């Protein structure tokens, strides 16, 4: 990085000494700025689900891995303008105009490749440890540069959580199944984790403390990975996941929830199973709250 900084501050000398073009130097500096600005291990999302910055490169990988989650049976379109097709996105001969934000109408560029749902993508990174190449089009939408193959070249896919998601190595994860906690306070409560195609959802069922009566309070929420941690989207709370992904703690209600059986969530009551299915199928943050069955018992004491 130090060598790069010196070269960036003496562009004219580097151009002569290293035979690097001014355009390539501008591209490298852009990559360096992206590296400095990206502070988190996973890309940040804005209000509409666009990834607004690129995560650091994974150690030993040379690129950040992404997965296609677009449900379109025709696949996820990857676009590139005809004038840029012969140029590699990370090549020294790439024109600086290609990397200008808010300039291009990328959604109108030609489709050069289509990726199927579940397919793994290789994001294009700049040289010298630079970040992935992400652009904003004229409408402010984010696009991610990815590799296809030698014949098709590089192109751009929409960098939105409806279409792609990062594959984060070493991120916390929970095994699917039913979770229970010890203690009379949690005797009527449980948690259920469901996962499919890289999507994980958590159902929280909270009953009244023993021996009181009341309805079950049920919340189904998607889980998101940020900075290697697992967050519940309903509360924006980080779950403290135990080693092996078979237990977790939650600060909002307390208790340590332990995996106790891998019974399918499909055996749950209809409204619960439908909510979990909706959560797994959605590509947006999902939260649904509902009231469950009535649990008989003593009336809850009235406060004085």
Protein backbone atom coordinates (compact mmCIF):
# COMPACT_ATOMS: atom_id res chain seq x y z
CA UNK A 1 0.00 0.00 0.00
CA UNK A 2 2.90 2.35 0.74
CA UNK A 3 4.38 1.75 -2.68
CA UNK A 4 1.03 2.53 -4.24
CA UNK A 5 0.69 5.78 -2.29
CA UNK A 6 4.05 7.07 -3.49
CA UNK A 7 3.25 6.15 -7.05
CA UNK A 8 -0.13 7.88 -6.79
CA UNK A 9 1.45 11.14 -5.59
CA UNK A 10 3.98 11.20 -8.44
CA UNK A 11 1.83 10.18 -11.37
CA UNK A 12 3.99 11.75 -14.06
CA UNK A 13 7.19 10.08 -12.86
CA UNK A 14 5.47 6.72 -12.42
CA UNK A 15 4.10 6.92 -15.92
CA UNK A 16 7.62 7.19 -17.31
CA UNK A 17 9.34 4.85 -14.87
CA UNK A 18 6.75 2.08 -14.72
CA UNK A 19 5.13 2.53 -18.15
CA UNK A 20 1.74 2.94 -16.49
CA UNK A 21 -0.78 5.18 -18.18
CA UNK A 22 -2.39 8.18 -16.49
CA UNK A 23 -5.75 6.46 -16.87
CA UNK A 24 -4.56 3.37 -15.03
CA UNK A 25 -3.17 5.53 -12.23
CA UNK A 26 -6.53 7.25 -11.80
CA UNK A 27 -8.19 3.85 -11.65
CA UNK A 28 -5.73 2.60 -9.01
CA UNK A 29 -6.26 5.72 -6.88
CA UNK A 30 -10.02 5.19 -7.12
CA UNK A 31 -9.53 1.65 -5.84
CA UNK A 32 -7.41 2.92 -2.95
CA UNK A 33 -10.08 5.41 -1.92
CA UNK A 34 -12.67 2.67 -1.90
CA UNK A 35 -10.43 0.58 0.36
CA UNK A 36 -10.13 3.42 2.86
CA UNK A 37 -13.85 4.17 2.85
CA UNK A 38 -15.06 0.59 3.35
CA UNK A 39 -14.92 0.08 7.09
CA UNK A 40 -17.13 -2.99 7.47
CA UNK A 41 -16.48 -6.59 6.50
CA UNK A 42 -19.74 -6.79 4.59
CA UNK A 43 -21.33 -4.23 2.27
CA UNK A 44 -23.79 -1.72 3.70
CA UNK A 45 -27.40 -1.61 2.48
CA UNK A 46 -29.45 1.52 1.88
CA UNK A 47 -33.21 1.92 2.34
CA UNK A 48 -34.07 0.31 -1.02
CA UNK A 49 -31.76 -2.67 -0.55
CA UNK A 50 -28.87 -1.48 -2.72
CA UNK A 51 -25.34 -2.33 -1.62
CA UNK A 52 -23.72 1.08 -1.30
CA UNK A 53 -20.10 0.03 -0.87
CA UNK A 54 -17.95 -3.01 -1.50
CA UNK A 55 -16.53 -5.19 1.29
CA UNK A 56 -12.80 -5.82 1.65
CA UNK A 57 -11.32 -8.67 -0.33
CA UNK A 58 -11.34 -12.00 1.47
CA UNK A 59 -7.96 -13.19 2.66
CA UNK A 60 -6.47 -15.62 0.17
CA UNK A 61 -9.36 -15.30 -2.27
CA UNK A 62 -8.47 -12.34 -4.48
CA UNK A 63 -12.16 -11.57 -4.88
CA UNK A 64 -15.30 -11.40 -2.80
CA UNK A 65 -17.77 -14.18 -3.51
CA UNK A 66 -21.42 -13.39 -4.20
CA UNK A 67 -24.47 -15.56 -4.83
CA UNK A 68 -27.42 -14.98 -7.18
CA UNK A 69 -30.75 -14.88 -5.32
CA UNK A 70 -32.88 -13.48 -8.14
CA UNK A 71 -35.99 -15.65 -8.48
CA UNK A 72 -36.53 -14.86 -12.18
CA UNK A 73 -36.48 -18.21 -14.05
CA UNK A 74 -34.74 -16.47 -16.96
CA UNK A 75 -31.80 -15.67 -14.69
CA UNK A 76 -30.04 -12.50 -13.58
CA UNK A 77 -28.95 -10.27 -16.46
CA UNK A 78 -25.35 -9.09 -16.65
CA UNK A 79 -24.87 -6.00 -18.83
CA UNK A 80 -22.04 -4.22 -20.60
CA UNK A 81 -21.96 -1.42 -23.17
CA UNK A 82 -20.61 -2.45 -26.58
CA UNK A 83 -17.89 0.23 -26.46
CA UNK A 84 -16.47 -1.28 -23.26
CA UNK A 85 -16.82 -4.97 -24.17
CA UNK A 86 -13.19 -5.53 -25.31
CA UNK A 87 -11.86 -4.04 -22.06
CA UNK A 88 -11.31 -5.95 -18.80
CA UNK A 89 -12.78 -4.03 -15.87
CA UNK A 90 -9.52 -4.33 -13.94
CA UNK A 91 -7.30 -3.78 -16.98
CA UNK A 92 -4.79 -0.93 -17.21
CA UNK A 93 -6.29 0.08 -20.57
CA UNK A 94 -9.82 0.56 -19.22
CA UNK A 95 -11.07 4.11 -19.96
CA UNK A 96 -11.66 6.29 -16.91
CA UNK A 97 -15.13 7.19 -18.28
CA UNK A 98 -16.26 3.63 -17.50
CA UNK A 99 -15.81 4.18 -13.76
CA UNK A 100 -17.66 7.49 -13.45
CA UNK A 101 -20.66 7.33 -11.14
CA UNK A 102 -24.06 8.77 -12.15
CA UNK A 103 -23.00 8.87 -15.81
CA UNK A 104 -24.20 5.65 -17.46
CA UNK A 105 -27.64 4.24 -18.20
CA UNK A 106 -26.51 0.71 -17.33
CA UNK A 107 -30.00 -0.81 -17.36
CA UNK A 108 -30.09 -0.15 -21.13
CA UNK A 109 -26.73 -1.78 -21.86
CA UNK A 110 -26.70 -5.07 -23.76
CA UNK A 111 -27.20 -8.32 -21.87
CA UNK A 112 -24.03 -10.35 -22.41
CA UNK A 113 -24.66 -13.11 -19.88
CA UNK A 114 -27.34 -14.49 -17.52
CA UNK A 115 -26.70 -16.14 -14.16
CA UNK A 116 -29.03 -18.75 -12.65
CA UNK A 117 -30.38 -18.52 -9.10
CA UNK A 118 -27.90 -19.97 -6.63
CA UNK A 119 -24.93 -19.48 -8.96
CA UNK A 120 -21.76 -18.11 -7.38
CA UNK A 121 -20.30 -14.90 -8.81
CA UNK A 122 -16.73 -13.61 -8.82
CA UNK A 123 -16.65 -9.86 -8.32
CA UNK A 124 -14.01 -7.92 -10.23
CA UNK A 125 -11.47 -6.21 -8.01
CA UNK A 126 -8.97 -3.55 -8.95
CA UNK A 127 -5.25 -4.25 -8.89
CA UNK A 128 -2.92 -3.64 -5.95
CA UNK A 129 -5.50 -4.81 -3.41
CA UNK A 130 -8.20 -2.39 -4.55
CA UNK A 131 -11.86 -2.87 -3.78
CA UNK A 132 -14.52 -4.39 -5.98
CA UNK A 133 -15.76 -2.30 -8.85
CA UNK A 134 -19.20 -0.92 -8.02
CA UNK A 135 -20.92 1.84 -9.97
CA UNK A 136 -24.00 4.01 -9.55
CA UNK A 137 -26.00 4.66 -12.70
CA UNK A 138 -27.84 7.85 -13.67
CA UNK A 139 -30.68 6.98 -11.31
CA UNK A 140 -28.34 6.28 -8.39
CA UNK A 141 -28.80 2.49 -8.56
CA UNK A 142 -25.82 0.31 -7.61
CA UNK A 143 -24.17 -2.13 -10.02
CA UNK A 144 -21.46 -4.72 -9.33
CA UNK A 145 -18.77 -5.69 -11.82
CA UNK A 146 -18.37 -9.47 -12.16
CA UNK A 147 -16.43 -11.97 -14.27
CA UNK A 148 -18.16 -14.33 -16.70
CA UNK A 149 -15.58 -16.18 -18.78
CA UNK A 150 -12.85 -15.40 -21.31
CA UNK A 151 -15.30 -15.23 -24.22
CA UNK A 152 -18.00 -13.13 -22.55
CA UNK A 153 -15.70 -10.90 -20.53
CA UNK A 154 -16.73 -8.73 -17.59
CA UNK A 155 -20.13 -7.13 -17.03
CA UNK A 156 -22.40 -5.56 -14.40
CA UNK A 157 -25.28 -6.98 -12.36
CA UNK A 158 -27.65 -5.00 -10.12
CA UNK A 159 -26.10 -4.76 -6.66
CA UNK A 160 -29.35 -5.13 -4.73
CA UNK A 161 -30.28 -7.74 -2.13
CA UNK A 162 -33.20 -8.86 -4.33
CA UNK A 163 -30.69 -10.08 -6.91
CA UNK A 164 -27.38 -10.90 -5.19
CA UNK A 165 -25.97 -11.45 -1.72
CA UNK A 166 -22.39 -11.64 -0.44
CA UNK A 167 -20.99 -14.99 0.67
CA UNK A 168 -19.19 -14.17 3.91
CA UNK A 169 -16.69 -16.75 5.10
CA UNK A 170 -16.55 -17.31 8.82
CA UNK A 171 -19.86 -15.54 9.47
CA UNK A 172 -21.98 -16.74 12.38
CA UNK A 173 -24.81 -19.08 11.45
CA UNK A 174 -27.51 -21.09 13.24
CA UNK A 175 -28.48 -24.66 12.48
CA UNK A 176 -32.14 -25.17 11.56
CA UNK A 177 -34.39 -26.67 14.23
CA UNK A 178 -36.22 -25.95 17.48
CA UNK A 179 -34.53 -24.09 20.34
CA UNK A 180 -35.53 -24.01 24.02
CA UNK A 181 -34.23 -22.21 27.13
CA UNK A 182 -34.07 -23.38 30.73
CA UNK A 183 -36.17 -21.83 33.51
CA UNK A 184 -39.86 -21.38 34.33
CA UNK A 185 -39.86 -17.99 32.61
CA UNK A 186 -39.19 -19.73 29.28
CA UNK A 187 -41.24 -22.90 29.87
CA UNK A 188 -43.93 -21.80 27.41
CA UNK A 189 -41.56 -20.15 24.94
CA UNK A 190 -39.47 -21.49 22.09
CA UNK A 191 -37.47 -20.48 19.03
CA UNK A 192 -37.39 -22.06 15.59
CA UNK A 193 -34.74 -21.51 12.91
CA UNK A 194 -35.41 -22.22 9.23
CA UNK A 195 -32.92 -21.88 6.36
CA UNK A 196 -33.00 -22.28 2.59
CA UNK A 197 -30.77 -21.09 -0.27
CA UNK A 198 -28.64 -18.91 1.99
CA UNK A 199 -31.68 -17.29 3.62
CA UNK A 200 -32.25 -17.76 7.39
CA UNK A 201 -35.38 -16.89 9.37
CA UNK A 202 -36.09 -17.01 13.10
CA UNK A 203 -39.50 -17.55 14.73
CA UNK A 204 -39.83 -16.38 18.33
CA UNK A 205 -42.76 -17.76 20.34
CA UNK A 206 -43.10 -16.07 23.75
CA UNK A 207 -45.64 -17.37 26.21
CA UNK A 208 -46.78 -15.92 29.55
CA UNK A 209 -44.58 -16.86 32.53
CA UNK A 210 -45.76 -19.81 34.59
CA UNK A 211 -48.42 -20.03 36.07
CA UNK A 212 -50.20 -17.11 34.39
CA UNK A 213 -52.60 -17.06 31.46
CA UNK A 214 -52.25 -15.22 28.17
CA UNK A 215 -51.81 -15.55 24.42
CA UNK A 216 -48.60 -16.59 22.75
CA UNK A 217 -46.78 -13.67 21.09
CA UNK A 218 -45.22 -14.83 17.80
CA UNK A 219 -42.70 -12.96 15.66
CA UNK A 220 -41.14 -14.27 12.45
CA UNK A 221 -38.08 -12.32 11.35
CA UNK A 222 -35.37 -12.62 8.74
CA UNK A 223 -31.74 -12.72 9.89
CA UNK A 224 -28.99 -10.66 8.28
CA UNK A 225 -25.21 -11.03 8.34
CA UNK A 226 -23.25 -7.86 9.04
CA UNK A 227 -19.60 -7.71 10.02
CA UNK A 228 -19.61 -11.46 10.51
CA UNK A 229 -22.46 -11.28 13.06
CA UNK A 230 -26.04 -12.49 12.81
CA UNK A 231 -28.72 -9.81 13.31
CA UNK A 232 -32.46 -10.20 13.85
CA UNK A 233 -34.09 -7.74 11.44
CA UNK A 234 -37.17 -7.26 13.65
CA UNK A 235 -35.13 -5.67 16.44
CA UNK A 236 -31.78 -4.96 14.74
CA UNK A 237 -30.29 -7.00 17.59
CA UNK A 238 -27.07 -9.00 17.21
CA UNK A 239 -27.46 -12.60 18.37
CA UNK A 240 -24.62 -14.06 20.40
CA UNK A 241 -24.22 -17.35 18.52
CA UNK A 242 -22.39 -20.19 20.25
CA UNK A 243 -19.72 -22.34 18.69
CA UNK A 244 -21.14 -24.80 16.21
CA UNK A 245 -24.29 -22.73 15.65
CA UNK A 246 -26.40 -24.79 18.07
CA UNK A 247 -27.09 -22.08 20.68
CA UNK A 248 -27.55 -18.32 20.98
CA UNK A 249 -28.24 -15.62 23.52
CA UNK A 250 -30.54 -12.64 23.01
CA UNK A 251 -30.36 -9.43 25.00
CA UNK A 252 -34.03 -8.44 24.56
CA UNK A 253 -35.53 -11.36 26.54
CA UNK A 254 -32.50 -13.14 27.98
CA UNK A 255 -31.86 -16.83 28.31
CA UNK A 256 -29.61 -19.14 26.34
CA UNK A 257 -31.47 -20.94 23.61
CA UNK A 258 -30.22 -24.44 22.81
CA UNK A 259 -30.96 -26.58 19.76
CA UNK A 260 -33.11 -29.51 20.89
CA UNK A 261 -34.27 -31.35 17.82
CA UNK A 262 -34.39 -30.76 14.10
CA UNK A 263 -38.16 -31.10 13.72
CA UNK A 264 -39.28 -29.45 10.51
CA UNK A 265 -40.89 -26.04 10.84
CA UNK A 266 -43.50 -27.30 8.38
CA UNK A 267 -45.10 -29.17 11.30
CA UNK A 268 -45.88 -25.84 12.98
CA UNK A 269 -49.45 -24.41 13.00
CA UNK A 270 -50.59 -23.05 9.64
CA UNK A 271 -50.14 -19.33 10.30
CA UNK A 272 -46.63 -19.94 11.65
CA UNK A 273 -45.53 -22.15 8.77
CA UNK A 274 -46.96 -19.70 6.23
CA UNK A 275 -45.06 -16.82 7.81
CA UNK A 276 -41.80 -18.78 7.79
CA UNK A 277 -42.35 -19.72 4.14
CA UNK A 278 -42.97 -16.06 3.26
CA UNK A 279 -39.82 -15.06 5.13
CA UNK A 280 -37.68 -17.64 3.32
CA UNK A 281 -39.08 -16.62 -0.07
CA UNK A 282 -38.60 -12.88 0.47
CA UNK A 283 -35.37 -11.09 -0.43
CA UNK A 284 -36.19 -8.04 1.68
CA UNK A 285 -36.01 -7.73 5.48
CA UNK A 286 -39.07 -9.63 6.70
CA UNK A 287 -40.97 -9.10 9.97
CA UNK A 288 -44.42 -10.49 10.83
CA UNK A 289 -46.03 -10.44 14.26
CA UNK A 290 -49.10 -12.44 15.20
CA UNK A 291 -51.05 -13.72 18.20
CA UNK A 292 -50.98 -17.42 18.98
CA UNK A 293 -53.16 -19.72 21.05
CA UNK A 294 -54.44 -18.82 24.50
CA UNK A 295 -52.60 -20.47 27.40
CA UNK A 296 -54.86 -21.04 30.45
CA UNK A 297 -53.67 -20.22 33.94
CA UNK A 298 -54.01 -17.68 36.71
CA UNK A 299 -54.95 -14.09 35.84
CA UNK A 300 -51.90 -11.89 35.67
CA UNK A 301 -51.64 -9.73 38.86
CA UNK A 302 -52.87 -6.20 38.40
CA UNK A 303 -50.33 -3.50 39.05
CA UNK A 304 -51.12 -1.11 41.90
